[in-house]
Every structure is written in C-alpha cells, then in structure tokens.
Amino acid sequence: MNEQELTGQKTIAIFLVALVAFSPLALAIFSRPDFLLGIPRLYFYLFVVWGLVILAIRVNVFRVESDVGGSRRGGPRRPMRGYSGESEGVGPGAER
C-alpha cells in the first residue's frame, strides 16, 4: 500500500469519526442545560470537536505536502508547466 492510499484512508476515517461525532445521538448526550467553563455544554462540545476535526485534517494534509516536496515552508518548487515568462514575449511590455 503506497502513501497516497494510506492518506486517503485516513481522510475517510476522519470524515467517519466526524460524522459520528456530529450525529444527533452524540449531540443528545451533551444537550443539557449545564455549563462548562461558563459555556453551555453543547456549544463547548461542538466547538471542541470541530476544532479537533480541523486539526486532524490539517495534520493529514500537511504530512502529505511535506512528503511530496511541494510544501509552503520552503520546499523545492517546480515551475508551472507551459510558462516560461518573458522569454517568449509574454508579460508586461511584450509586443504583439
């Protein structure tokens, strides 16, 4: 199994965990009139779980970008295919 297949499976797993976490049965557990840190329990649960889902997706995607080598943190970049700049008379000041 290659790295892309594993990443795809992890993405699907994150989606399924989020689906269960936001299902009405899970939300009913936290739908009480109690407060946690001054915030209603349901709202606290929603924001914490939503933040964890976003964090899990970010970790999964960032790992993929760093493995490919095209990360935004100074990794090697490939030039755009089919674009060679002003050498072909493309760009500002080019005559037509």
N, C-alpha and C. Protein backbone atom coordinates (compact mmCIF):
# COMPACT_ATOMS: atom_id res chain seq x y z
N MET A 1 0.85 -1.17 0.00
CA MET A 1 0.00 0.00 0.00
C MET A 1 0.90 1.23 0.00
N ASN A 2 0.65 2.13 -0.94
CA ASN A 2 1.50 3.31 -1.02
C ASN A 2 0.97 4.42 -0.09
N GLU A 3 1.73 5.49 -0.01
CA GLU A 3 1.44 6.58 0.92
C GLU A 3 0.14 7.31 0.58
N GLN A 4 -0.17 7.46 -0.71
CA GLN A 4 -1.40 8.17 -1.10
C GLN A 4 -2.64 7.37 -0.71
N GLU A 5 -2.59 6.06 -0.86
CA GLU A 5 -3.73 5.24 -0.46
C GLU A 5 -3.96 5.32 1.04
N LEU A 6 -2.87 5.31 1.80
CA LEU A 6 -2.97 5.41 3.25
C LEU A 6 -3.54 6.77 3.67
N THR A 7 -3.11 7.83 2.99
CA THR A 7 -3.63 9.16 3.29
C THR A 7 -5.11 9.25 2.96
N GLY A 8 -5.52 8.66 1.85
CA GLY A 8 -6.94 8.65 1.51
C GLY A 8 -7.77 7.90 2.54
N GLN A 9 -7.25 6.80 3.03
CA GLN A 9 -7.96 6.04 4.05
C GLN A 9 -8.05 6.82 5.36
N LYS A 10 -6.99 7.54 5.70
CA LYS A 10 -7.04 8.37 6.92
C LYS A 10 -8.04 9.51 6.78
N THR A 11 -8.13 10.08 5.59
CA THR A 11 -9.10 11.15 5.35
C THR A 11 -10.53 10.62 5.50
N ILE A 12 -10.78 9.45 4.97
CA ILE A 12 -12.11 8.84 5.10
C ILE A 12 -12.39 8.52 6.56
N ALA A 13 -11.40 8.06 7.30
CA ALA A 13 -11.58 7.76 8.72
C ALA A 13 -11.92 9.03 9.51
N ILE A 14 -11.23 10.14 9.19
CA ILE A 14 -11.53 11.42 9.85
C ILE A 14 -12.97 11.83 9.56
N PHE A 15 -13.39 11.66 8.31
CA PHE A 15 -14.76 12.01 7.94
C PHE A 15 -15.77 11.17 8.71
N LEU A 16 -15.53 9.87 8.81
CA LEU A 16 -16.48 9.00 9.51
C LEU A 16 -16.54 9.30 11.01
N VAL A 17 -15.39 9.59 11.61
CA VAL A 17 -15.38 9.95 13.03
C VAL A 17 -16.15 11.26 13.24
N ALA A 18 -15.96 12.23 12.35
CA ALA A 18 -16.69 13.49 12.45
C ALA A 18 -18.18 13.28 12.24
N LEU A 19 -18.53 12.38 11.33
CA LEU A 19 -19.94 12.08 11.08
C LEU A 19 -20.61 11.51 12.33
N VAL A 20 -19.92 10.62 13.01
CA VAL A 20 -20.47 10.04 14.24
C VAL A 20 -20.50 11.09 15.35
N ALA A 21 -19.45 11.92 15.44
CA ALA A 21 -19.38 12.93 16.49
C ALA A 21 -20.47 13.98 16.36
N PHE A 22 -20.90 14.26 15.14
CA PHE A 22 -21.94 15.27 14.92
C PHE A 22 -23.31 14.66 14.66
N SER A 23 -23.46 13.38 14.92
CA SER A 23 -24.77 12.74 14.74
C SER A 23 -25.70 13.17 15.88
N PRO A 24 -26.99 13.11 15.63
CA PRO A 24 -27.94 13.53 16.67
C PRO A 24 -27.81 12.72 17.97
N LEU A 25 -27.42 11.46 17.89
CA LEU A 25 -27.27 10.66 19.11
C LEU A 25 -26.12 11.18 19.97
N ALA A 26 -25.01 11.54 19.34
CA ALA A 26 -23.89 12.09 20.11
C ALA A 26 -24.21 13.48 20.63
N LEU A 27 -24.91 14.27 19.85
CA LEU A 27 -25.26 15.62 20.29
C LEU A 27 -26.27 15.59 21.44
N ALA A 28 -27.11 14.57 21.48
CA ALA A 28 -28.10 14.45 22.56
C ALA A 28 -27.43 14.23 23.90
N ILE A 29 -26.27 13.61 23.92
CA ILE A 29 -25.56 13.38 25.18
C ILE A 29 -25.16 14.71 25.83
N PHE A 30 -24.78 15.68 25.03
CA PHE A 30 -24.31 16.96 25.54
C PHE A 30 -25.38 18.04 25.55
N SER A 31 -26.58 17.71 25.18
CA SER A 31 -27.66 18.69 25.14
C SER A 31 -28.34 18.76 26.50
N ARG A 32 -27.65 19.33 27.45
CA ARG A 32 -28.15 19.52 28.81
C ARG A 32 -28.04 21.00 29.16
N PRO A 33 -28.81 21.44 30.12
CA PRO A 33 -28.75 22.86 30.49
C PRO A 33 -27.56 23.20 31.39
N ASP A 34 -26.58 22.32 31.52
CA ASP A 34 -25.40 22.57 32.34
C ASP A 34 -24.41 23.47 31.60
N PHE A 35 -23.52 24.07 32.38
CA PHE A 35 -22.49 24.94 31.81
C PHE A 35 -21.12 24.36 32.13
N LEU A 36 -20.21 24.51 31.19
CA LEU A 36 -18.84 24.08 31.36
C LEU A 36 -17.95 25.26 31.00
N LEU A 37 -17.22 25.78 31.99
CA LEU A 37 -16.39 26.98 31.82
C LEU A 37 -17.24 28.18 31.38
N GLY A 38 -18.46 28.24 31.83
CA GLY A 38 -19.35 29.34 31.51
C GLY A 38 -20.01 29.24 30.15
N ILE A 39 -19.82 28.14 29.46
CA ILE A 39 -20.38 27.93 28.12
C ILE A 39 -21.32 26.74 28.19
N PRO A 40 -22.47 26.80 27.54
CA PRO A 40 -23.34 25.62 27.51
C PRO A 40 -22.60 24.40 26.98
N ARG A 41 -22.85 23.24 27.58
CA ARG A 41 -22.13 22.02 27.23
C ARG A 41 -22.20 21.69 25.73
N LEU A 42 -23.34 21.86 25.13
CA LEU A 42 -23.49 21.53 23.72
C LEU A 42 -22.59 22.40 22.86
N TYR A 43 -22.56 23.70 23.13
CA TYR A 43 -21.72 24.60 22.35
C TYR A 43 -20.24 24.27 22.56
N PHE A 44 -19.87 24.00 23.80
CA PHE A 44 -18.49 23.64 24.10
C PHE A 44 -18.09 22.39 23.32
N TYR A 45 -18.95 21.38 23.34
CA TYR A 45 -18.68 20.14 22.62
C TYR A 45 -18.53 20.40 21.12
N LEU A 46 -19.46 21.16 20.55
CA LEU A 46 -19.42 21.43 19.11
C LEU A 46 -18.12 22.12 18.70
N PHE A 47 -17.73 23.16 19.43
CA PHE A 47 -16.53 23.90 19.06
C PHE A 47 -15.26 23.08 19.27
N VAL A 48 -15.20 22.30 20.34
CA VAL A 48 -14.01 21.48 20.59
C VAL A 48 -13.88 20.39 19.53
N VAL A 49 -14.96 19.70 19.24
CA VAL A 49 -14.90 18.62 18.25
C VAL A 49 -14.61 19.19 16.86
N TRP A 50 -15.23 20.31 16.52
CA TRP A 50 -14.98 20.93 15.22
C TRP A 50 -13.50 21.33 15.10
N GLY A 51 -12.94 21.89 16.14
CA GLY A 51 -11.53 22.25 16.13
C GLY A 51 -10.63 21.03 15.99
N LEU A 52 -10.98 19.94 16.66
CA LEU A 52 -10.18 18.72 16.55
C LEU A 52 -10.25 18.12 15.14
N VAL A 53 -11.42 18.20 14.51
CA VAL A 53 -11.55 17.70 13.14
C VAL A 53 -10.69 18.53 12.20
N ILE A 54 -10.73 19.84 12.34
CA ILE A 54 -9.90 20.71 11.50
C ILE A 54 -8.42 20.42 11.73
N LEU A 55 -8.03 20.24 12.98
CA LEU A 55 -6.63 19.94 13.29
C LEU A 55 -6.21 18.60 12.69
N ALA A 56 -7.06 17.59 12.76
CA ALA A 56 -6.73 16.28 12.19
C ALA A 56 -6.57 16.37 10.68
N ILE A 57 -7.44 17.12 10.02
CA ILE A 57 -7.33 17.28 8.57
C ILE A 57 -6.04 18.03 8.22
N ARG A 58 -5.73 19.06 8.98
CA ARG A 58 -4.52 19.84 8.71
C ARG A 58 -3.27 18.98 8.87
N VAL A 59 -3.21 18.18 9.92
CA VAL A 59 -2.06 17.32 10.14
C VAL A 59 -1.93 16.32 9.00
N ASN A 60 -3.04 15.75 8.57
CA ASN A 60 -3.02 14.77 7.49
C ASN A 60 -2.58 15.43 6.18
N VAL A 61 -3.09 16.59 5.86
CA VAL A 61 -2.75 17.26 4.60
C VAL A 61 -1.32 17.79 4.65
N PHE A 62 -0.90 18.35 5.77
CA PHE A 62 0.46 18.90 5.85
C PHE A 62 1.49 17.78 5.70
N ARG A 63 1.21 16.62 6.26
CA ARG A 63 2.13 15.49 6.12
C ARG A 63 2.26 15.08 4.67
N VAL A 64 1.15 15.12 3.93
CA VAL A 64 1.18 14.77 2.52
C VAL A 64 1.98 15.80 1.74
N GLU A 65 1.78 17.08 2.01
CA GLU A 65 2.52 18.13 1.29
C GLU A 65 4.01 18.02 1.55
N SER A 66 4.41 17.73 2.78
CA SER A 66 5.83 17.65 3.08
C SER A 66 6.45 16.41 2.45
N ASP A 67 5.69 15.32 2.29
CA ASP A 67 6.21 14.13 1.64
C ASP A 67 6.40 14.35 0.15
N VAL A 68 5.51 15.11 -0.47
CA VAL A 68 5.59 15.35 -1.90
C VAL A 68 6.74 16.30 -2.21
N GLY A 69 7.05 17.21 -1.31
CA GLY A 69 8.13 18.15 -1.53
C GLY A 69 7.65 19.50 -1.99
N GLY A 70 6.38 19.71 -2.11
CA GLY A 70 5.85 20.98 -2.56
C GLY A 70 5.23 21.76 -1.43
N SER A 71 5.79 21.66 -0.25
CA SER A 71 5.20 22.34 0.89
C SER A 71 5.42 23.84 0.79
N ARG A 72 4.64 24.58 1.53
CA ARG A 72 4.73 26.03 1.51
C ARG A 72 5.84 26.53 2.43
N ARG A 73 6.55 25.65 3.09
CA ARG A 73 7.57 26.07 4.04
C ARG A 73 8.97 25.97 3.46
N GLY A 74 9.14 26.41 2.26
CA GLY A 74 10.46 26.48 1.68
C GLY A 74 10.91 25.25 0.93
N GLY A 75 10.02 24.35 0.64
CA GLY A 75 10.39 23.16 -0.11
C GLY A 75 10.66 23.51 -1.56
N PRO A 76 11.25 22.58 -2.30
CA PRO A 76 11.53 22.86 -3.71
C PRO A 76 10.25 23.03 -4.49
N ARG A 77 10.24 23.97 -5.38
CA ARG A 77 9.05 24.24 -6.19
C ARG A 77 9.38 23.98 -7.65
N ARG A 78 8.42 23.42 -8.33
CA ARG A 78 8.57 23.18 -9.76
C ARG A 78 7.95 24.33 -10.52
N PRO A 79 8.55 24.76 -11.63
CA PRO A 79 7.94 25.83 -12.41
C PRO A 79 6.64 25.34 -13.04
N MET A 80 5.76 26.29 -13.30
CA MET A 80 4.49 25.94 -13.91
C MET A 80 4.73 25.40 -15.31
N ARG A 81 4.03 24.39 -15.66
CA ARG A 81 4.19 23.76 -16.97
C ARG A 81 3.63 24.68 -18.06
N GLY A 82 4.39 24.89 -19.10
CA GLY A 82 3.91 25.69 -20.22
C GLY A 82 4.13 27.17 -20.06
N TYR A 83 4.78 27.59 -18.97
CA TYR A 83 5.00 29.01 -18.76
C TYR A 83 6.49 29.26 -18.67
N SER A 84 6.99 30.09 -19.53
CA SER A 84 8.43 30.37 -19.50
C SER A 84 8.70 31.86 -19.33
N GLY A 85 7.71 32.62 -18.98
CA GLY A 85 7.92 34.04 -18.67
C GLY A 85 8.08 34.91 -19.89
N GLU A 86 8.97 35.93 -19.77
CA GLU A 86 9.12 36.92 -20.82
C GLU A 86 9.99 36.46 -21.97
N SER A 87 10.60 35.29 -21.88
CA SER A 87 11.47 34.84 -22.96
C SER A 87 10.69 34.58 -24.24
N GLU A 88 9.40 34.34 -24.13
CA GLU A 88 8.58 34.11 -25.31
C GLU A 88 7.74 35.34 -25.65
N GLY A 89 8.04 36.46 -25.04
CA GLY A 89 7.29 37.66 -25.32
C GLY A 89 5.96 37.71 -24.59
N VAL A 90 5.91 37.04 -23.47
CA VAL A 90 4.68 37.04 -22.68
C VAL A 90 4.95 37.88 -21.44
N GLY A 91 4.04 38.75 -21.11
CA GLY A 91 4.18 39.54 -19.91
C GLY A 91 4.06 41.00 -20.22
N PRO A 92 4.29 41.83 -19.20
CA PRO A 92 4.19 43.27 -19.41
C PRO A 92 5.22 43.79 -20.37
N GLY A 93 4.83 44.64 -21.27
CA GLY A 93 5.74 45.24 -22.21
C GLY A 93 6.02 44.40 -23.44
N ALA A 94 5.37 43.28 -23.56
CA ALA A 94 5.60 42.42 -24.73
C ALA A 94 4.86 42.97 -25.93
N GLU A 95 5.51 42.94 -27.07
CA GLU A 95 4.87 43.44 -28.29
C GLU A 95 4.03 42.35 -28.92
N ARG A 96 2.95 42.79 -29.54
CA ARG A 96 2.07 41.81 -30.19
C ARG A 96 2.02 42.09 -31.65
